[in-house]
Amino acid sequence: MTPNKSEIEQALELELSDEDILDALSHISGYIDISTEDFRTVYHLAWRHALARLQALQDDEAASGPTA
């Protein structure tokens, strides 16, 4: 189910602490050489991309009208 426009507009990007990031990285097998600041940058860019994708889905559904 695609979120409605108000849900998308109210979506909040969570602020990740260093502890959040380090905990997440500890669950990955292997080693990732990334600083917590770089991780935050990747997270922010991914969040913005996901938000734009959801908004586009919502716009496409609105443009195509109701489905039966």
N, C-alpha and C. Protein backbone atom coordinates (compact mmCIF):
# COMPACT_ATOMS: atom_id res chain seq x y z
N MET A 1 0.84 -1.18 0.00
CA MET A 1 0.00 0.00 0.00
C MET A 1 0.89 1.25 0.00
N THR A 2 0.60 2.15 -0.90
CA THR A 2 1.37 3.39 -1.00
C THR A 2 0.85 4.39 0.03
N PRO A 3 1.73 5.04 0.76
CA PRO A 3 1.28 6.03 1.74
C PRO A 3 0.59 7.19 1.05
N ASN A 4 -0.38 7.81 1.74
CA ASN A 4 -1.05 8.96 1.14
C ASN A 4 -0.16 10.19 1.23
N LYS A 5 -0.56 11.25 0.52
CA LYS A 5 0.29 12.44 0.40
C LYS A 5 0.61 13.06 1.76
N SER A 6 -0.34 13.11 2.67
CA SER A 6 -0.06 13.72 3.98
C SER A 6 0.94 12.88 4.77
N GLU A 7 0.88 11.56 4.63
CA GLU A 7 1.86 10.70 5.30
C GLU A 7 3.26 10.95 4.74
N ILE A 8 3.36 11.12 3.44
CA ILE A 8 4.65 11.39 2.82
C ILE A 8 5.17 12.75 3.27
N GLU A 9 4.31 13.75 3.26
CA GLU A 9 4.74 15.09 3.63
C GLU A 9 5.17 15.16 5.09
N GLN A 10 4.59 14.31 5.94
CA GLN A 10 4.91 14.33 7.36
C GLN A 10 6.06 13.39 7.71
N ALA A 11 6.57 12.68 6.71
CA ALA A 11 7.67 11.74 6.99
C ALA A 11 8.85 12.50 7.56
N LEU A 12 9.37 11.98 8.64
CA LEU A 12 10.50 12.62 9.29
C LEU A 12 11.75 11.77 9.12
N GLU A 13 12.82 12.41 8.75
CA GLU A 13 14.09 11.72 8.67
C GLU A 13 14.63 11.60 10.09
N LEU A 14 14.88 10.38 10.52
CA LEU A 14 15.40 10.16 11.86
C LEU A 14 16.84 10.64 11.95
N GLU A 15 17.15 11.26 13.06
CA GLU A 15 18.53 11.68 13.33
C GLU A 15 19.26 10.49 13.94
N LEU A 16 20.31 10.02 13.28
CA LEU A 16 21.05 8.87 13.77
C LEU A 16 22.22 9.32 14.63
N SER A 17 22.34 8.70 15.78
CA SER A 17 23.49 8.98 16.64
C SER A 17 24.67 8.11 16.20
N ASP A 18 25.87 8.45 16.67
CA ASP A 18 27.03 7.60 16.38
C ASP A 18 26.77 6.19 16.89
N GLU A 19 26.14 6.08 18.06
CA GLU A 19 25.84 4.76 18.64
C GLU A 19 24.92 3.97 17.71
N ASP A 20 23.91 4.62 17.14
CA ASP A 20 23.00 3.94 16.20
C ASP A 20 23.77 3.37 15.02
N ILE A 21 24.65 4.20 14.47
CA ILE A 21 25.42 3.81 13.29
C ILE A 21 26.39 2.69 13.62
N LEU A 22 27.11 2.83 14.70
CA LEU A 22 28.08 1.80 15.09
C LEU A 22 27.39 0.47 15.39
N ASP A 23 26.21 0.53 16.00
CA ASP A 23 25.46 -0.69 16.26
C ASP A 23 25.05 -1.35 14.95
N ALA A 24 24.55 -0.56 14.02
CA ALA A 24 24.13 -1.11 12.72
C ALA A 24 25.32 -1.76 12.01
N LEU A 25 26.45 -1.08 12.02
CA LEU A 25 27.64 -1.61 11.35
C LEU A 25 28.13 -2.89 12.00
N SER A 26 27.91 -3.03 13.31
CA SER A 26 28.36 -4.24 14.01
C SER A 26 27.57 -5.48 13.58
N HIS A 27 26.42 -5.29 12.96
CA HIS A 27 25.59 -6.41 12.52
C HIS A 27 25.91 -6.86 11.10
N ILE A 28 26.85 -6.20 10.47
CA ILE A 28 27.24 -6.55 9.11
C ILE A 28 28.48 -7.43 9.17
N SER A 29 28.40 -8.57 8.49
CA SER A 29 29.59 -9.43 8.48
C SER A 29 30.62 -8.79 7.55
N GLY A 30 31.84 -8.86 7.93
CA GLY A 30 32.89 -8.22 7.15
C GLY A 30 33.18 -6.83 7.70
N TYR A 31 33.94 -6.07 6.94
CA TYR A 31 34.38 -4.77 7.40
C TYR A 31 33.99 -3.71 6.38
N ILE A 32 33.41 -2.63 6.84
CA ILE A 32 33.08 -1.49 5.99
C ILE A 32 33.88 -0.31 6.51
N ASP A 33 34.72 0.24 5.67
CA ASP A 33 35.55 1.37 6.06
C ASP A 33 34.80 2.66 5.74
N ILE A 34 33.99 3.11 6.71
CA ILE A 34 33.19 4.32 6.51
C ILE A 34 33.09 5.04 7.86
N SER A 35 33.21 6.34 7.82
CA SER A 35 33.07 7.12 9.06
C SER A 35 31.58 7.27 9.38
N THR A 36 31.28 7.59 10.63
CA THR A 36 29.88 7.81 10.99
C THR A 36 29.30 8.99 10.22
N GLU A 37 30.11 10.00 9.96
CA GLU A 37 29.63 11.16 9.19
C GLU A 37 29.31 10.78 7.75
N ASP A 38 30.17 9.98 7.12
CA ASP A 38 29.89 9.51 5.76
C ASP A 38 28.64 8.62 5.74
N PHE A 39 28.49 7.79 6.77
CA PHE A 39 27.30 6.95 6.86
C PHE A 39 26.05 7.82 6.93
N ARG A 40 26.09 8.88 7.75
CA ARG A 40 24.95 9.81 7.84
C ARG A 40 24.64 10.44 6.49
N THR A 41 25.68 10.78 5.73
CA THR A 41 25.47 11.37 4.41
C THR A 41 24.78 10.38 3.48
N VAL A 42 25.25 9.13 3.47
CA VAL A 42 24.61 8.10 2.65
C VAL A 42 23.17 7.90 3.09
N TYR A 43 22.93 7.82 4.39
CA TYR A 43 21.58 7.65 4.91
C TYR A 43 20.68 8.80 4.47
N HIS A 44 21.16 10.03 4.60
CA HIS A 44 20.37 11.20 4.22
C HIS A 44 20.02 11.16 2.72
N LEU A 45 21.00 10.84 1.89
CA LEU A 45 20.74 10.77 0.45
C LEU A 45 19.76 9.65 0.11
N ALA A 46 19.90 8.51 0.77
CA ALA A 46 18.96 7.40 0.54
C ALA A 46 17.56 7.77 1.00
N TRP A 47 17.45 8.46 2.13
CA TRP A 47 16.15 8.88 2.64
C TRP A 47 15.48 9.84 1.67
N ARG A 48 16.24 10.82 1.16
CA ARG A 48 15.69 11.79 0.20
C ARG A 48 15.24 11.08 -1.08
N HIS A 49 16.01 10.09 -1.53
CA HIS A 49 15.65 9.34 -2.73
C HIS A 49 14.37 8.56 -2.50
N ALA A 50 14.26 7.90 -1.35
CA ALA A 50 13.05 7.13 -1.03
C ALA A 50 11.84 8.04 -0.95
N LEU A 51 11.99 9.21 -0.34
CA LEU A 51 10.88 10.15 -0.24
C LEU A 51 10.43 10.61 -1.63
N ALA A 52 11.38 10.93 -2.50
CA ALA A 52 11.04 11.35 -3.86
C ALA A 52 10.34 10.21 -4.62
N ARG A 53 10.81 8.97 -4.41
CA ARG A 53 10.18 7.81 -5.06
C ARG A 53 8.74 7.63 -4.60
N LEU A 54 8.51 7.76 -3.30
CA LEU A 54 7.15 7.62 -2.78
C LEU A 54 6.25 8.75 -3.27
N GLN A 55 6.78 9.94 -3.35
CA GLN A 55 6.00 11.07 -3.86
C GLN A 55 5.65 10.85 -5.32
N ALA A 56 6.59 10.32 -6.11
CA ALA A 56 6.32 10.05 -7.53
C ALA A 56 5.25 8.97 -7.67
N LEU A 57 5.31 7.93 -6.84
CA LEU A 57 4.27 6.90 -6.86
C LEU A 57 2.90 7.49 -6.56
N GLN A 58 2.87 8.35 -5.55
CA GLN A 58 1.61 9.00 -5.18
C GLN A 58 1.09 9.86 -6.32
N ASP A 59 1.99 10.62 -6.95
CA ASP A 59 1.60 11.48 -8.07
C ASP A 59 1.09 10.65 -9.24
N ASP A 60 1.76 9.53 -9.53
CA ASP A 60 1.32 8.65 -10.62
C ASP A 60 -0.06 8.07 -10.35
N GLU A 61 -0.30 7.66 -9.12
CA GLU A 61 -1.61 7.12 -8.76
C GLU A 61 -2.70 8.17 -8.88
N ALA A 62 -2.39 9.40 -8.46
CA ALA A 62 -3.36 10.48 -8.55
C ALA A 62 -3.65 10.83 -10.01
N ALA A 63 -2.64 10.79 -10.86
CA ALA A 63 -2.81 11.14 -12.27
C ALA A 63 -3.60 10.08 -13.02
N SER A 64 -3.45 8.82 -12.62
CA SER A 64 -4.14 7.74 -13.32
C SER A 64 -5.59 7.58 -12.88
N GLY A 65 -5.95 8.26 -11.81
CA GLY A 65 -7.33 8.21 -11.35
C GLY A 65 -7.62 6.95 -10.57
N PRO A 66 -8.83 6.82 -10.08
CA PRO A 66 -9.21 5.65 -9.29
C PRO A 66 -9.20 4.38 -10.13
N THR A 67 -8.81 3.30 -9.48
CA THR A 67 -8.83 1.99 -10.15
C THR A 67 -9.99 1.18 -9.59
N ALA A 68 -10.54 0.34 -10.43
CA ALA A 68 -11.70 -0.45 -10.01
C ALA A 68 -11.29 -1.77 -9.44
